[in-house]
Amino acid sequence: MVQRWVLHVDMDQFLVAVELLRHPELIGVPVIVGGRGDPT
């Protein structure tokens, strides 16, 4: 049996832009935004 993996990449620029505003030290670095919806 062949095991398959699926990687879903959501290129939502808005979420990344918000993170860059909150953490300017990330500018110029590849950013992955994820979570469970809890803003804390």
PDB file of N, CA and C in Angstrom:
ATOM      1  N   MET A   1       0.849  -1.184   0.000  1.00  0.00           N
ATOM      2  CA  MET A   1       0.000   0.000   0.000  1.00  0.00           C
ATOM      3  C   MET A   1       0.894   1.246   0.000  1.00  0.00           C
ATOM      4  N   VAL A   2       0.570   2.191  -0.861  1.00  0.00           N
ATOM      5  CA  VAL A   2       1.334   3.429  -0.957  1.00  0.00           C
ATOM      6  C   VAL A   2       0.712   4.473  -0.041  1.00  0.00           C
ATOM      7  N   GLN A   3       1.535   5.047   0.821  1.00  0.00           N
ATOM      8  CA  GLN A   3       1.046   6.090   1.727  1.00  0.00           C
ATOM      9  C   GLN A   3       1.231   7.438   1.042  1.00  0.00           C
ATOM     10  N   ARG A   4       0.187   8.255   1.057  1.00  0.00           N
ATOM     11  CA  ARG A   4       0.257   9.572   0.439  1.00  0.00           C
ATOM     12  C   ARG A   4       0.172  10.656   1.492  1.00  0.00           C
ATOM     13  N   TRP A   5       0.895  11.726   1.254  1.00  0.00           N
ATOM     14  CA  TRP A   5       0.843  12.911   2.103  1.00  0.00           C
ATOM     15  C   TRP A   5       0.386  14.073   1.243  1.00  0.00           C
ATOM     16  N   VAL A   6      -0.438  14.928   1.810  1.00  0.00           N
ATOM     17  CA  VAL A   6      -0.889  16.118   1.115  1.00  0.00           C
ATOM     18  C   VAL A   6      -0.475  17.329   1.938  1.00  0.00           C
ATOM     19  N   LEU A   7       0.219  18.258   1.314  1.00  0.00           N
ATOM     20  CA  LEU A   7       0.604  19.507   1.961  1.00  0.00           C
ATOM     21  C   LEU A   7      -0.194  20.618   1.300  1.00  0.00           C
ATOM     22  N   HIS A   8      -1.017  21.290   2.077  1.00  0.00           N
ATOM     23  CA  HIS A   8      -1.828  22.399   1.564  1.00  0.00           C
ATOM     24  C   HIS A   8      -1.178  23.698   2.009  1.00  0.00           C
ATOM     25  N   VAL A   9      -0.829  24.534   1.043  1.00  0.00           N
ATOM     26  CA  VAL A   9      -0.209  25.816   1.341  1.00  0.00           C
ATOM     27  C   VAL A   9      -1.186  26.909   0.951  1.00  0.00           C
ATOM     28  N   ASP A  10      -1.615  27.675   1.938  1.00  0.00           N
ATOM     29  CA  ASP A  10      -2.543  28.779   1.702  1.00  0.00           C
ATOM     30  C   ASP A  10      -1.724  30.058   1.633  1.00  0.00           C
ATOM     31  N   MET A  11      -1.697  30.682   0.502  1.00  0.00           N
ATOM     32  CA  MET A  11      -0.854  31.858   0.297  1.00  0.00           C
ATOM     33  C   MET A  11      -1.638  33.139   0.603  1.00  0.00           C
ATOM     34  N   ASP A  12      -2.256  33.195   1.732  1.00  0.00           N
ATOM     35  CA  ASP A  12      -3.065  34.343   2.103  1.00  0.00           C
ATOM     36  C   ASP A  12      -2.148  35.478   2.560  1.00  0.00           C
ATOM     37  N   GLN A  13      -1.941  36.426   1.690  1.00  0.00           N
ATOM     38  CA  GLN A  13      -1.008  37.522   1.963  1.00  0.00           C
ATOM     39  C   GLN A  13      -1.454  38.375   3.141  1.00  0.00           C
ATOM     40  N   PHE A  14      -2.753  38.477   3.382  1.00  0.00           N
ATOM     41  CA  PHE A  14      -3.240  39.309   4.483  1.00  0.00           C
ATOM     42  C   PHE A  14      -2.704  38.832   5.832  1.00  0.00           C
ATOM     43  N   LEU A  15      -2.788  37.535   6.084  1.00  0.00           N
ATOM     44  CA  LEU A  15      -2.323  37.000   7.368  1.00  0.00           C
ATOM     45  C   LEU A  15      -0.824  37.206   7.550  1.00  0.00           C
ATOM     46  N   VAL A  16      -0.080  37.040   6.485  1.00  0.00           N
ATOM     47  CA  VAL A  16       1.362  37.270   6.578  1.00  0.00           C
ATOM     48  C   VAL A  16       1.645  38.745   6.811  1.00  0.00           C
ATOM     49  N   ALA A  17       0.924  39.631   6.121  1.00  0.00           N
ATOM     50  CA  ALA A  17       1.129  41.072   6.291  1.00  0.00           C
ATOM     51  C   ALA A  17       0.863  41.492   7.734  1.00  0.00           C
ATOM     52  N   VAL A  18      -0.164  40.926   8.347  1.00  0.00           N
ATOM     53  CA  VAL A  18      -0.466  41.241   9.745  1.00  0.00           C
ATOM     54  C   VAL A  18       0.678  40.792  10.647  1.00  0.00           C
ATOM     55  N   GLU A  19       1.191  39.591  10.422  1.00  0.00           N
ATOM     56  CA  GLU A  19       2.298  39.099  11.239  1.00  0.00           C
ATOM     57  C   GLU A  19       3.552  39.951  11.062  1.00  0.00           C
ATOM     58  N   LEU A  20       3.790  40.429   9.846  1.00  0.00           N
ATOM     59  CA  LEU A  20       4.958  41.277   9.616  1.00  0.00           C
ATOM     60  C   LEU A  20       4.808  42.621  10.316  1.00  0.00           C
ATOM     61  N   LEU A  21       3.596  43.122  10.409  1.00  0.00           N
ATOM     62  CA  LEU A  21       3.375  44.356  11.161  1.00  0.00           C
ATOM     63  C   LEU A  21       3.604  44.132  12.654  1.00  0.00           C
ATOM     64  N   ARG A  22       3.182  42.985  13.155  1.00  0.00           N
ATOM     65  CA  ARG A  22       3.344  42.674  14.579  1.00  0.00           C
ATOM     66  C   ARG A  22       4.790  42.334  14.922  1.00  0.00           C
ATOM     67  N   HIS A  23       5.505  41.747  13.971  1.00  0.00           N
ATOM     68  CA  HIS A  23       6.879  41.281  14.205  1.00  0.00           C
ATOM     69  C   HIS A  23       7.774  41.720  13.033  1.00  0.00           C
ATOM     70  N   PRO A  24       8.175  42.987  13.007  1.00  0.00           N
ATOM     71  CA  PRO A  24       8.971  43.487  11.882  1.00  0.00           C
ATOM     72  C   PRO A  24      10.314  42.766  11.693  1.00  0.00           C
ATOM     73  N   GLU A  25      10.802  42.073  12.712  1.00  0.00           N
ATOM     74  CA  GLU A  25      12.056  41.339  12.565  1.00  0.00           C
ATOM     75  C   GLU A  25      11.923  40.185  11.576  1.00  0.00           C
ATOM     76  N   LEU A  26      10.690  39.833  11.197  1.00  0.00           N
ATOM     77  CA  LEU A  26      10.460  38.748  10.240  1.00  0.00           C
ATOM     78  C   LEU A  26      10.505  39.209   8.787  1.00  0.00           C
ATOM     79  N   ILE A  27      10.605  40.499   8.550  1.00  0.00           N
ATOM     80  CA  ILE A  27      10.628  41.017   7.178  1.00  0.00           C
ATOM     81  C   ILE A  27      11.860  40.464   6.464  1.00  0.00           C
ATOM     82  N   GLY A  28      11.636  39.902   5.288  1.00  0.00           N
ATOM     83  CA  GLY A  28      12.712  39.313   4.508  1.00  0.00           C
ATOM     84  C   GLY A  28      12.961  37.854   4.798  1.00  0.00           C
ATOM     85  N   VAL A  29      12.188  37.273   5.728  1.00  0.00           N
ATOM     86  CA  VAL A  29      12.331  35.872   6.117  1.00  0.00           C
ATOM     87  C   VAL A  29      11.086  35.122   5.656  1.00  0.00           C
ATOM     88  N   PRO A  30      11.211  33.906   5.129  1.00  0.00           N
ATOM     89  CA  PRO A  30      10.006  33.127   4.799  1.00  0.00           C
ATOM     90  C   PRO A  30       9.145  32.942   6.054  1.00  0.00           C
ATOM     91  N   VAL A  31       7.842  33.188   5.925  1.00  0.00           N
ATOM     92  CA  VAL A  31       6.937  33.148   7.077  1.00  0.00           C
ATOM     93  C   VAL A  31       5.831  32.132   6.821  1.00  0.00           C
ATOM     94  N   ILE A  32       5.577  31.313   7.824  1.00  0.00           N
ATOM     95  CA  ILE A  32       4.432  30.398   7.800  1.00  0.00           C
ATOM     96  C   ILE A  32       3.515  30.820   8.935  1.00  0.00           C
ATOM     97  N   VAL A  33       2.252  31.074   8.617  1.00  0.00           N
ATOM     98  CA  VAL A  33       1.275  31.489   9.625  1.00  0.00           C
ATOM     99  C   VAL A  33       0.305  30.346   9.819  1.00  0.00           C
ATOM    100  N   GLY A  34       0.100  29.957  11.074  1.00  0.00           N
ATOM    101  CA  GLY A  34      -0.829  28.891  11.366  1.00  0.00           C
ATOM    102  C   GLY A  34      -1.314  28.999  12.788  1.00  0.00           C
ATOM    103  N   GLY A  35      -2.241  28.183  13.130  1.00  0.00           N
ATOM    104  CA  GLY A  35      -2.731  28.202  14.497  1.00  0.00           C
ATOM    105  C   GLY A  35      -4.120  27.617  14.591  1.00  0.00           C
ATOM    106  N   ARG A  36      -4.714  27.820  15.772  1.00  0.00           N
ATOM    107  CA  ARG A  36      -6.043  27.261  16.028  1.00  0.00           C
ATOM    108  C   ARG A  36      -7.099  28.355  16.173  1.00  0.00           C
ATOM    109  N   GLY A  37      -6.777  29.584  15.814  1.00  0.00           N
ATOM    110  CA  GLY A  37      -7.754  30.647  15.884  1.00  0.00           C
ATOM    111  C   GLY A  37      -7.752  31.418  17.185  1.00  0.00           C
ATOM    112  N   ASP A  38      -6.915  31.037  18.134  1.00  0.00           N
ATOM    113  CA  ASP A  38      -6.820  31.719  19.422  1.00  0.00           C
ATOM    114  C   ASP A  38      -5.801  32.844  19.307  1.00  0.00           C
ATOM    115  N   PRO A  39      -6.210  34.118  19.375  1.00  0.00           N
ATOM    116  CA  PRO A  39      -5.276  35.212  19.176  1.00  0.00           C
ATOM    117  C   PRO A  39      -4.239  35.379  20.278  1.00  0.00           C
ATOM    118  N   THR A  40      -4.393  34.694  21.399  1.00  0.00           N
ATOM    119  CA  THR A  40      -3.405  34.803  22.469  1.00  0.00           C
ATOM    120  C   THR A  40      -2.280  33.834  22.201  1.00  0.00           C
TER     121      THR A  40
END
